[in-house]
Every structure is written in C-alpha cells, then in structure tokens.
C-alpha atoms as a PDB file:
ATOM      1  CA  MET A   1     -35.431  -5.150 -50.203  1.00  0.00           C
ATOM      2  CA  GLN A   2     -36.482  -6.742 -47.252  1.00  0.00           C
ATOM      3  CA  GLN A   3     -32.920  -8.403 -47.412  1.00  0.00           C
ATOM      4  CA  THR A   4     -31.213  -5.417 -47.249  1.00  0.00           C
ATOM      5  CA  LYS A   5     -32.878  -4.094 -44.523  1.00  0.00           C
ATOM      6  CA  ASP A   6     -31.895  -7.341 -42.445  1.00  0.00           C
ATOM      7  CA  ASN A   7     -28.163  -7.390 -44.201  1.00  0.00           C
ATOM      8  CA  LEU A   8     -28.685  -3.485 -42.137  1.00  0.00           C
ATOM      9  CA  VAL A   9     -29.537  -4.946 -38.850  1.00  0.00           C
ATOM     10  CA  GLU A  10     -27.651  -8.058 -39.141  1.00  0.00           C
ATOM     11  CA  ARG A  11     -24.832  -5.731 -39.907  1.00  0.00           C
ATOM     12  CA  LEU A  12     -25.835  -3.031 -37.481  1.00  0.00           C
ATOM     13  CA  ILE A  13     -25.837  -5.731 -34.114  1.00  0.00           C
ATOM     14  CA  ALA A  14     -22.228  -6.566 -35.468  1.00  0.00           C
ATOM     15  CA  VAL A  15     -21.553  -3.022 -35.014  1.00  0.00           C
ATOM     16  CA  GLU A  16     -22.508  -2.951 -31.590  1.00  0.00           C
ATOM     17  CA  GLN A  17     -21.271  -5.975 -30.573  1.00  0.00           C
ATOM     18  CA  GLU A  18     -17.781  -4.458 -31.332  1.00  0.00           C
ATOM     19  CA  TYR A  19     -18.212  -1.270 -30.023  1.00  0.00           C
ATOM     20  CA  ALA A  20     -19.121  -2.563 -26.799  1.00  0.00           C
ATOM     21  CA  ALA A  21     -15.787  -5.041 -26.921  1.00  0.00           C
ATOM     22  CA  CYS A  22     -13.575  -2.035 -27.253  1.00  0.00           C
ATOM     23  CA  GLN A  23     -15.279   0.755 -24.353  1.00  0.00           C
ATOM     24  CA  GLU A  24     -14.540  -2.159 -22.211  1.00  0.00           C
ATOM     25  CA  GLN A  25     -10.981  -2.912 -22.799  1.00  0.00           C
ATOM     26  CA  LEU A  26     -10.690   1.354 -22.950  1.00  0.00           C
ATOM     27  CA  ALA A  27     -12.465   0.779 -20.251  1.00  0.00           C
ATOM     28  CA  ARG A  28     -10.192  -2.098 -18.444  1.00  0.00           C
ATOM     29  CA  LEU A  29      -6.384   0.272 -20.398  1.00  0.00           C
ATOM     30  CA  GLN A  30      -7.329   3.439 -18.416  1.00  0.00           C
ATOM     31  CA  PHE A  31      -7.165   1.683 -14.610  1.00  0.00           C
ATOM     32  CA  GLU A  32      -4.020  -0.195 -15.426  1.00  0.00           C
ATOM     33  CA  VAL A  33      -2.887   3.179 -16.694  1.00  0.00           C
ATOM     34  CA  LEU A  34      -4.484   5.064 -13.964  1.00  0.00           C
ATOM     35  CA  ASP A  35      -2.449   1.604 -11.776  1.00  0.00           C
ATOM     36  CA  LEU A  36       0.655   1.911 -13.579  1.00  0.00           C
ATOM     37  CA  GLN A  37       0.272   5.446 -12.093  1.00  0.00           C
ATOM     38  CA  GLN A  38      -0.578   5.117  -8.626  1.00  0.00           C
ATOM     39  CA  GLN A  39       2.573   2.013  -8.800  1.00  0.00           C
ATOM     40  CA  LEU A  40       5.313   5.018 -10.276  1.00  0.00           C
ATOM     41  CA  GLU A  41       3.985   7.465  -7.098  1.00  0.00           C
ATOM     42  CA  GLU A  42       4.881   4.838  -4.804  1.00  0.00           C
ATOM     43  CA  ALA A  43       8.368   3.830  -6.324  1.00  0.00           C
ATOM     44  CA  GLU A  44       8.938   7.641  -6.527  1.00  0.00           C
ATOM     45  CA  HIS A  45       8.054   7.828  -3.290  1.00  0.00           C
ATOM     46  CA  LYS A  46      10.471   4.959  -1.297  1.00  0.00           C
ATOM     47  CA  SER A  47      13.074   6.660  -2.991  1.00  0.00           C
ATOM     48  CA  GLN A  48      12.382   9.557  -2.073  1.00  0.00           C
ATOM     49  CA  PRO A  49      14.284  10.542   1.910  1.00  0.00           C
ATOM     50  CA  SER A  50      11.117  10.993   4.217  1.00  0.00           C
ATOM     51  CA  SER A  51      10.256  13.874   5.971  1.00  0.00           C
ATOM     52  CA  PRO A  52       8.117  13.677   9.047  1.00  0.00           C
ATOM     53  CA  GLY A  53       5.084  16.071   8.519  1.00  0.00           C
ATOM     54  CA  LYS A  54       5.693  16.103   4.635  1.00  0.00           C
ATOM     55  CA  GLY A  55       3.505  14.147   2.502  1.00  0.00           C
ATOM     56  CA  GLY A  56       0.279  12.756   3.925  1.00  0.00           C
ATOM     57  CA  LYS A  57      -1.907  15.677   2.126  1.00  0.00           C
ATOM     58  CA  LYS A  58      -0.063  14.045  -1.051  1.00  0.00           C
ATOM     59  CA  ALA A  59      -0.719  10.992  -0.425  1.00  0.00           C
ATOM     60  CA  LYS A  60      -4.164  11.514   0.492  1.00  0.00           C
ATOM     61  CA  ALA A  61      -4.860  13.907  -1.741  1.00  0.00           C
ATOM     62  CA  THR A  62      -3.736  11.413  -4.930  1.00  0.00           C
ATOM     63  CA  ARG A  63      -4.762   8.841  -3.584  1.00  0.00           C
ATOM     64  CA  LEU A  64      -8.184  10.852  -3.282  1.00  0.00           C
ATOM     65  CA  ALA A  65      -8.189  12.219  -6.979  1.00  0.00           C
ATOM     66  CA  ARG A  66      -7.094   8.556  -8.528  1.00  0.00           C
ATOM     67  CA  LEU A  67     -10.668   7.096  -6.569  1.00  0.00           C
ATOM     68  CA  GLU A  68     -12.702  10.101  -8.273  1.00  0.00           C
ATOM     69  CA  GLN A  69     -11.593   9.172 -12.047  1.00  0.00           C
ATOM     70  CA  ALA A  70     -11.990   5.902 -11.192  1.00  0.00           C
ATOM     71  CA  ALA A  71     -15.592   6.333 -10.284  1.00  0.00           C
ATOM     72  CA  ALA A  72     -16.388   7.970 -13.315  1.00  0.00           C
ATOM     73  CA  LEU A  73     -15.000   5.210 -15.748  1.00  0.00           C
ATOM     74  CA  LEU A  74     -16.795   3.285 -13.733  1.00  0.00           C
ATOM     75  CA  ASP A  75     -20.647   6.343 -14.182  1.00  0.00           C
ATOM     76  CA  LYS A  76     -18.851   6.798 -18.466  1.00  0.00           C
ATOM     77  CA  HIS A  77     -18.910   2.821 -19.350  1.00  0.00           C
ATOM     78  CA  LEU A  78     -21.477   1.314 -16.419  1.00  0.00           C
ATOM     79  CA  PRO A  79     -24.723   0.292 -17.925  1.00  0.00           C
ATOM     80  CA  SER A  80     -27.240   2.782 -16.657  1.00  0.00           C
END
C-alpha cells in the first residue's frame, strides 16, 4: 500500500509539473498571438490612406485593449 501511495505522489508531482509547463507555454503563445495581431493591425493601418483626425482614438483604444488583455493573461498565469 505504501509503495502505491509513493507512486501516486510521484505521478501527481510529475503531472503538476507538466501542467505548469503547459500553462507557461500557453501564456507565451497567447502573448505571441497578441503581438501578431498588433503587427497585422499596424500593417493594415500603414497600407490605408491617412486622413487627419481619424484613427487616433481607435488606435489608442486598440492599444489599451491589448494592454488589458496582457494584464489579464499575467494575472491568470502568474502565481499569487
């Protein structure tokens, strides 16, 4: 019985470590997706003809939304 408990504890630790590694990888990939989305939006913005007074508020709102998403990811994935 003791051997079984020891094996279960070892397996649980291994699973928890793998889960933590997966969560870390997920967080990195989510940040990469956010970065790629931002690059795409910037490329689209550069390819559009500029008109004075337009896009400034939208660009700021987009950047703010990105920062809020990044903060939420950090809160979710960093230990308290």
